[in-house]
Amino acid sequence: MSRYPRNLVIPLLASAVLLLAACGSGTSAGTAAAGQAAGGSAQNAGLPGEHVHGVARNPGDGKVYLATHHGLFRYDNGNPVLVGPEVDLMGFAVAGPGRFFASGHPAAGVDLPAPVGLIETVDAGKTWSVQSLGGQADFHALTSSSKGVLGYDGALQSSSDAKTWKPLTIASEPTSLAAAPDGSRVLATTASGVMLSSDQGATWARLPAAPQLLLAAWADKSTAAGVTQTGALAVTTDAGATWTTSTGKVDSIQAISASRTRGGTLEVLVVTNSGVQRSVDSGASFSPLGTN
């Protein structure tokens, strides 16, 4: 994938593409990859840096995690706390309770190759280990499911075991990748429309019913959410066959995730210039994380 500026924030109503790209506790595993802004900078909005590449709720401890240029942060009582070593996390995906995949670049003094390739943590970010492609791959779009990992670093690749990889093709460069938890479907947001794969990225077809999305994330095998170019949240509950667009609007998107709460409610988290926002009504309204 092309290397975007480190301070990139994607405003809506623009043709720019976006890079990646998962309050109540105890949600089920969803996927990470968009948001709202109402002014203010990341530094005064409770964000731990100028840009966030991934957001997700860890199904292990129920807390929200942010993948940033300065490492992985966990929200404790509304405050982001650095977890583990400082790694510029360009790609990020939650694979299970406390188990995350990531890609990017280590900070000085961190004992990881540059780029890190595909790294994995099984202790919610405290420690990371290189699984493959150390010193070779820098995935700016990354997603995982029960069937494996899919990443894009200028070329699309997939791995069923996080160790060995096979090359794939896609007609348009993905700005984000999102796999359903069971691996049955993968969404790719591209400049030419939303693409869907039902075979782990081996083949792709454009979703004619989907609006143009900047980012997308799956909550379960049939429910996904994404943000349109006009700032609305679009939701599908039938695996992309039909979409409903919200009346509420978001802006200055950085990251998105979707998951189900223990009660079954769809929770969408979005990161914007104004901080982490949460919606439990399919985008009709958003509120700052921690206020509900």
Protein backbone atom coordinates (compact mmCIF):
# COMPACT_ATOMS: atom_id res chain seq x y z
CA MET A 1 0.00 0.00 0.00
CA SER A 2 1.18 3.53 -0.62
CA ARG A 3 2.75 5.18 2.41
CA TYR A 4 0.47 7.93 3.66
CA PRO A 5 1.67 10.86 5.81
CA ARG A 6 1.81 10.10 9.51
CA ASN A 7 -0.58 12.89 10.44
CA LEU A 8 -3.21 11.87 7.93
CA VAL A 9 -6.82 12.28 9.04
CA ILE A 10 -9.43 11.71 6.36
CA PRO A 11 -12.14 14.38 6.19
CA LEU A 12 -15.41 13.37 4.62
CA LEU A 13 -16.68 15.00 1.44
CA ALA A 14 -13.24 14.52 -0.07
CA SER A 15 -12.00 12.04 -2.61
CA ALA A 16 -8.97 10.99 -0.57
CA VAL A 17 -8.72 7.35 0.36
CA LEU A 18 -8.19 6.19 3.86
CA LEU A 19 -5.84 3.81 5.58
CA LEU A 20 -6.66 1.48 8.34
CA ALA A 21 -8.19 -0.03 9.26
CA ALA A 22 -12.32 -3.57 16.52
CA CYS A 23 -19.95 2.05 26.67
CA GLY A 24 -20.46 -1.29 28.42
CA SER A 25 -17.99 -4.01 28.76
CA GLY A 26 -17.87 -7.56 27.57
CA THR A 27 -18.56 -7.51 23.84
CA SER A 28 -18.00 -10.40 21.52
CA ALA A 29 -15.13 -10.32 19.04
CA GLY A 30 -15.65 -7.97 16.10
CA THR A 31 -13.30 -6.35 13.63
CA ALA A 32 -11.28 -3.18 13.62
CA ALA A 33 -10.99 -0.57 10.85
CA ALA A 34 -14.11 5.08 10.89
CA GLY A 35 -15.60 8.09 13.03
CA GLN A 36 -16.82 11.61 13.84
CA ALA A 37 -15.11 14.88 14.62
CA ALA A 38 -16.50 18.06 16.05
CA GLY A 39 -13.30 20.07 16.16
CA GLY A 40 -10.26 19.86 18.40
CA SER A 41 -7.00 18.04 17.96
CA ALA A 42 -6.09 14.54 18.93
CA GLN A 43 -3.87 15.88 21.70
CA ASN A 44 -6.76 17.62 23.51
CA ALA A 45 -9.39 15.01 22.79
CA GLY A 46 -8.07 12.23 24.98
CA LEU A 47 -6.31 10.46 22.11
CA PRO A 48 -2.75 9.27 22.72
CA GLY A 49 -1.29 10.72 19.52
CA GLU A 50 -1.90 12.51 16.27
CA HIS A 51 -3.32 9.49 14.48
CA VAL A 52 -5.00 6.20 15.30
CA HIS A 53 -4.86 3.27 12.90
CA GLY A 54 -7.09 0.82 14.70
CA VAL A 55 -9.73 0.65 17.41
CA ALA A 56 -11.31 -2.45 18.92
CA ARG A 57 -12.86 -3.78 22.08
CA ASN A 58 -10.89 -6.72 23.44
CA PRO A 59 -13.32 -9.59 24.07
CA GLY A 60 -10.99 -10.75 26.83
CA ASP A 61 -11.22 -7.80 29.23
CA GLY A 62 -13.96 -5.74 27.57
CA LYS A 63 -11.70 -2.69 27.29
CA VAL A 64 -11.15 -0.52 24.22
CA TYR A 65 -7.71 -0.59 22.60
CA LEU A 66 -6.19 1.90 20.17
CA ALA A 67 -3.39 1.09 17.73
CA THR A 68 -1.34 4.25 17.15
CA HIS A 69 1.97 5.55 15.82
CA HIS A 70 3.25 5.41 19.39
CA GLY A 71 2.13 1.92 20.32
CA LEU A 72 -0.93 0.16 21.65
CA PHE A 73 -3.08 1.98 24.21
CA ARG A 74 -5.81 0.63 26.48
CA TYR A 75 -8.56 2.85 27.86
CA ASP A 76 -8.71 2.66 31.66
CA ASN A 77 -11.34 4.88 33.31
CA GLY A 78 -11.45 7.03 30.18
CA ASN A 79 -7.67 7.49 29.96
CA PRO A 80 -5.41 5.86 27.35
CA VAL A 81 -2.58 3.86 28.92
CA LEU A 82 0.37 2.55 26.89
CA VAL A 83 0.56 -1.24 26.80
CA GLY A 84 3.81 -2.94 25.87
CA PRO A 85 6.65 -1.65 23.66
CA GLU A 86 6.42 1.38 21.40
CA VAL A 87 5.68 0.18 17.89
CA ASP A 88 4.27 2.30 15.08
CA LEU A 89 1.21 0.11 14.46
CA MET A 90 0.12 0.67 10.87
CA GLY A 91 -2.13 -2.41 10.69
CA PHE A 92 -4.09 -3.95 13.56
CA ALA A 93 -6.61 -6.75 14.01
CA VAL A 94 -8.19 -8.51 16.99
CA ALA A 95 -8.12 -12.31 16.62
CA GLY A 96 -9.60 -13.29 19.98
CA PRO A 97 -9.48 -12.57 23.72
CA GLY A 98 -6.13 -10.87 24.31
CA ARG A 99 -4.87 -12.04 20.92
CA PHE A 100 -4.06 -9.35 18.37
CA PHE A 101 -2.15 -9.17 15.09
CA ALA A 102 -0.33 -6.04 13.94
CA SER A 103 2.23 -4.67 11.51
CA GLY A 104 4.36 -1.54 11.34
CA HIS A 105 7.71 -0.22 12.57
CA PRO A 106 9.46 -0.48 15.95
CA ALA A 107 10.67 2.55 17.85
CA ALA A 108 14.37 2.94 18.54
CA GLY A 109 15.56 0.39 21.05
CA VAL A 110 12.67 -2.02 20.55
CA ASP A 111 13.91 -5.52 19.74
CA LEU A 112 11.85 -6.12 16.61
CA PRO A 113 12.82 -6.05 12.92
CA ALA A 114 12.01 -3.04 10.76
CA PRO A 115 9.43 -3.35 9.40
CA VAL A 116 8.08 -5.83 11.92
CA GLY A 117 6.21 -7.97 9.37
CA LEU A 118 3.31 -9.76 11.03
CA ILE A 119 3.52 -9.69 14.82
CA GLU A 120 1.22 -11.30 17.35
CA THR A 121 0.40 -10.78 21.01
CA VAL A 122 -1.45 -13.24 23.21
CA ASP A 123 -1.34 -11.06 26.32
CA ALA A 124 -3.28 -8.03 25.02
CA GLY A 125 -0.24 -6.13 23.81
CA LYS A 126 2.20 -6.53 26.70
CA THR A 127 4.57 -8.54 24.52
CA TRP A 128 4.77 -9.15 20.78
CA SER A 129 6.44 -11.86 18.72
CA VAL A 130 7.24 -11.94 15.02
CA GLN A 131 5.21 -14.62 13.25
CA SER A 132 6.47 -14.03 9.72
CA LEU A 133 7.82 -11.55 7.15
CA GLY A 134 9.99 -9.73 9.68
CA GLY A 135 12.01 -7.04 7.91
CA GLN A 136 9.90 -7.52 4.78
CA ALA A 137 6.21 -6.62 5.16
CA ASP A 138 4.50 -3.47 6.42
CA PHE A 139 0.77 -4.16 6.21
CA HIS A 140 -1.23 -0.93 6.15
CA ALA A 141 -4.43 -2.93 5.75
CA LEU A 142 -4.77 -6.00 7.93
CA THR A 143 -7.60 -8.24 9.07
CA SER A 144 -7.97 -11.65 10.69
CA SER A 145 -10.62 -14.30 11.20
CA SER A 146 -10.88 -17.91 12.30
CA LYS A 147 -9.63 -18.83 8.83
CA GLY A 148 -6.43 -16.79 8.92
CA VAL A 149 -4.91 -13.39 8.16
CA LEU A 150 -5.23 -11.13 5.13
CA GLY A 151 -2.89 -8.19 4.57
CA TYR A 152 -2.00 -5.55 2.01
CA ASP A 153 1.41 -3.86 1.79
CA GLY A 154 1.38 -2.96 -1.87
CA ALA A 155 0.36 -6.53 -2.68
CA LEU A 156 -2.46 -8.62 -1.28
CA GLN A 157 -1.45 -11.74 0.66
CA SER A 158 -3.17 -14.32 2.83
CA SER A 159 -2.03 -16.82 5.44
CA SER A 160 -3.96 -19.56 7.19
CA ASP A 161 -1.35 -20.02 9.93
CA ALA A 162 0.32 -16.56 10.19
CA LYS A 163 3.54 -18.20 8.99
CA THR A 164 3.30 -19.01 5.29
CA TRP A 165 1.74 -16.65 2.77
CA LYS A 166 0.25 -16.86 -0.70
CA PRO A 167 -0.15 -13.94 -3.13
CA LEU A 168 -3.63 -12.82 -4.17
CA THR A 169 -5.00 -10.28 -6.61
CA ILE A 170 -7.63 -7.57 -6.31
CA ALA A 171 -8.73 -5.14 -9.01
CA SER A 172 -8.43 -1.99 -6.86
CA GLU A 173 -6.07 -1.09 -4.03
CA PRO A 174 -7.83 -1.74 -0.71
CA THR A 175 -7.82 1.16 1.73
CA SER A 176 -9.09 -1.19 4.40
CA LEU A 177 -9.81 -4.89 4.80
CA ALA A 178 -12.43 -6.39 7.12
CA ALA A 179 -13.09 -10.09 7.63
CA ALA A 180 -16.17 -11.55 9.28
CA PRO A 181 -15.17 -13.38 12.49
CA ASP A 182 -15.87 -16.79 10.93
CA GLY A 183 -13.91 -15.92 7.79
CA SER A 184 -16.90 -16.48 5.53
CA ARG A 185 -16.63 -13.04 3.94
CA VAL A 186 -14.11 -10.22 3.55
CA LEU A 187 -14.89 -6.62 2.66
CA ALA A 188 -12.39 -4.35 0.96
CA THR A 189 -13.06 -0.62 0.72
CA THR A 190 -11.52 0.79 -2.45
CA ALA A 191 -11.65 3.96 -4.51
CA SER A 192 -13.80 2.13 -7.05
CA GLY A 193 -16.31 0.74 -4.56
CA VAL A 194 -16.76 -1.92 -1.92
CA MET A 195 -15.50 -5.37 -2.89
CA LEU A 196 -16.59 -8.67 -1.35
CA SER A 197 -14.75 -11.99 -1.22
CA SER A 198 -16.30 -15.26 -0.04
CA ASP A 199 -13.11 -17.30 -0.40
CA GLN A 200 -10.55 -15.53 1.81
CA GLY A 201 -9.54 -13.04 -0.87
CA ALA A 202 -8.96 -15.50 -3.71
CA THR A 203 -11.68 -13.82 -5.81
CA TRP A 204 -13.51 -10.52 -5.45
CA ALA A 205 -16.73 -8.99 -6.75
CA ARG A 206 -18.04 -5.48 -6.33
CA LEU A 207 -21.05 -5.10 -4.04
CA PRO A 208 -23.54 -3.11 -6.13
CA ALA A 209 -25.84 -2.38 -3.18
CA ALA A 210 -23.10 -0.96 -0.97
CA PRO A 211 -22.55 2.79 -0.80
CA GLN A 212 -19.04 4.13 -1.28
CA LEU A 213 -17.39 3.41 2.07
CA LEU A 214 -14.21 4.85 3.52
CA LEU A 215 -13.80 2.09 6.12
CA ALA A 216 -15.77 -0.97 7.19
CA ALA A 217 -15.86 -3.54 9.99
CA TRP A 218 -17.79 -6.74 10.71
CA ALA A 219 -19.63 -7.37 13.97
CA ASP A 220 -20.62 -10.96 13.14
CA LYS A 221 -20.94 -13.18 10.08
CA SER A 222 -23.84 -11.19 8.61
CA THR A 223 -23.57 -7.70 10.15
CA ALA A 224 -21.09 -5.06 9.03
CA ALA A 225 -20.84 -1.29 9.38
CA GLY A 226 -19.01 1.36 7.41
CA VAL A 227 -18.86 5.11 6.94
CA THR A 228 -19.85 6.67 3.63
CA GLN A 229 -18.17 9.57 1.87
CA THR A 230 -20.99 11.83 3.07
CA GLY A 231 -20.40 10.91 6.71
CA ALA A 232 -23.27 8.52 7.35
CA LEU A 233 -22.97 5.13 8.99
CA ALA A 234 -24.09 2.35 6.65
CA VAL A 235 -25.09 -1.01 8.15
CA THR A 236 -25.83 -4.36 6.54
CA THR A 237 -27.41 -7.27 8.40
CA ASP A 238 -27.52 -9.65 5.42
CA ALA A 239 -23.83 -9.91 4.57
CA GLY A 240 -23.82 -6.95 2.19
CA ALA A 241 -26.90 -7.69 0.08
CA THR A 242 -28.68 -4.58 1.41
CA TRP A 243 -27.54 -1.55 3.41
CA THR A 244 -29.29 1.00 5.63
CA THR A 245 -27.78 4.46 5.90
CA SER A 246 -28.08 6.46 9.13
CA THR A 247 -29.35 9.99 9.54
CA GLY A 248 -26.49 10.88 11.86
CA LYS A 249 -23.20 12.04 10.38
CA VAL A 250 -19.55 11.61 11.30
CA ASP A 251 -16.41 13.39 10.16
CA SER A 252 -12.59 13.24 10.16
CA ILE A 253 -12.45 9.47 10.33
CA GLN A 254 -9.43 7.60 11.63
CA ALA A 255 -10.64 4.09 12.59
CA ILE A 256 -13.74 1.96 13.10
CA SER A 257 -14.75 -1.28 14.79
CA ALA A 258 -18.02 -3.16 15.17
CA SER A 259 -19.04 -5.84 17.64
CA ARG A 260 -21.98 -7.24 19.56
CA THR A 261 -22.51 -6.54 23.25
CA ARG A 262 -23.40 -9.39 25.58
CA GLY A 263 -27.02 -8.35 25.14
CA GLY A 264 -26.72 -8.60 21.36
CA THR A 265 -26.73 -4.86 20.58
CA LEU A 266 -24.61 -3.71 17.66
CA GLU A 267 -21.84 -1.46 19.01
CA VAL A 268 -19.86 0.70 16.60
CA LEU A 269 -16.76 2.55 17.81
CA VAL A 270 -15.24 5.31 15.70
CA VAL A 271 -12.11 7.38 16.21
CA THR A 272 -12.10 11.00 15.05
CA ASN A 273 -10.35 14.26 15.86
CA SER A 274 -12.75 14.65 18.77
CA GLY A 275 -11.87 11.30 20.30
CA VAL A 276 -13.45 7.87 20.48
CA GLN A 277 -17.17 7.92 19.75
CA ARG A 278 -19.70 5.12 20.32
CA SER A 279 -23.03 4.31 18.67
CA VAL A 280 -25.51 1.62 19.66
CA ASP A 281 -28.31 2.74 17.33
CA SER A 282 -26.71 2.06 13.93
CA GLY A 283 -25.33 5.57 13.64
CA ALA A 284 -28.42 7.60 14.49
CA SER A 285 -26.40 9.13 17.32
CA PHE A 286 -22.87 9.03 18.71
CA SER A 287 -21.56 9.78 22.20
CA PRO A 288 -18.02 10.01 23.60
CA LEU A 289 -16.65 6.74 24.92
CA GLY A 290 -17.33 6.41 28.63
CA THR A 291 -20.41 8.60 28.81
CA ASN A 292 -22.84 5.70 28.46
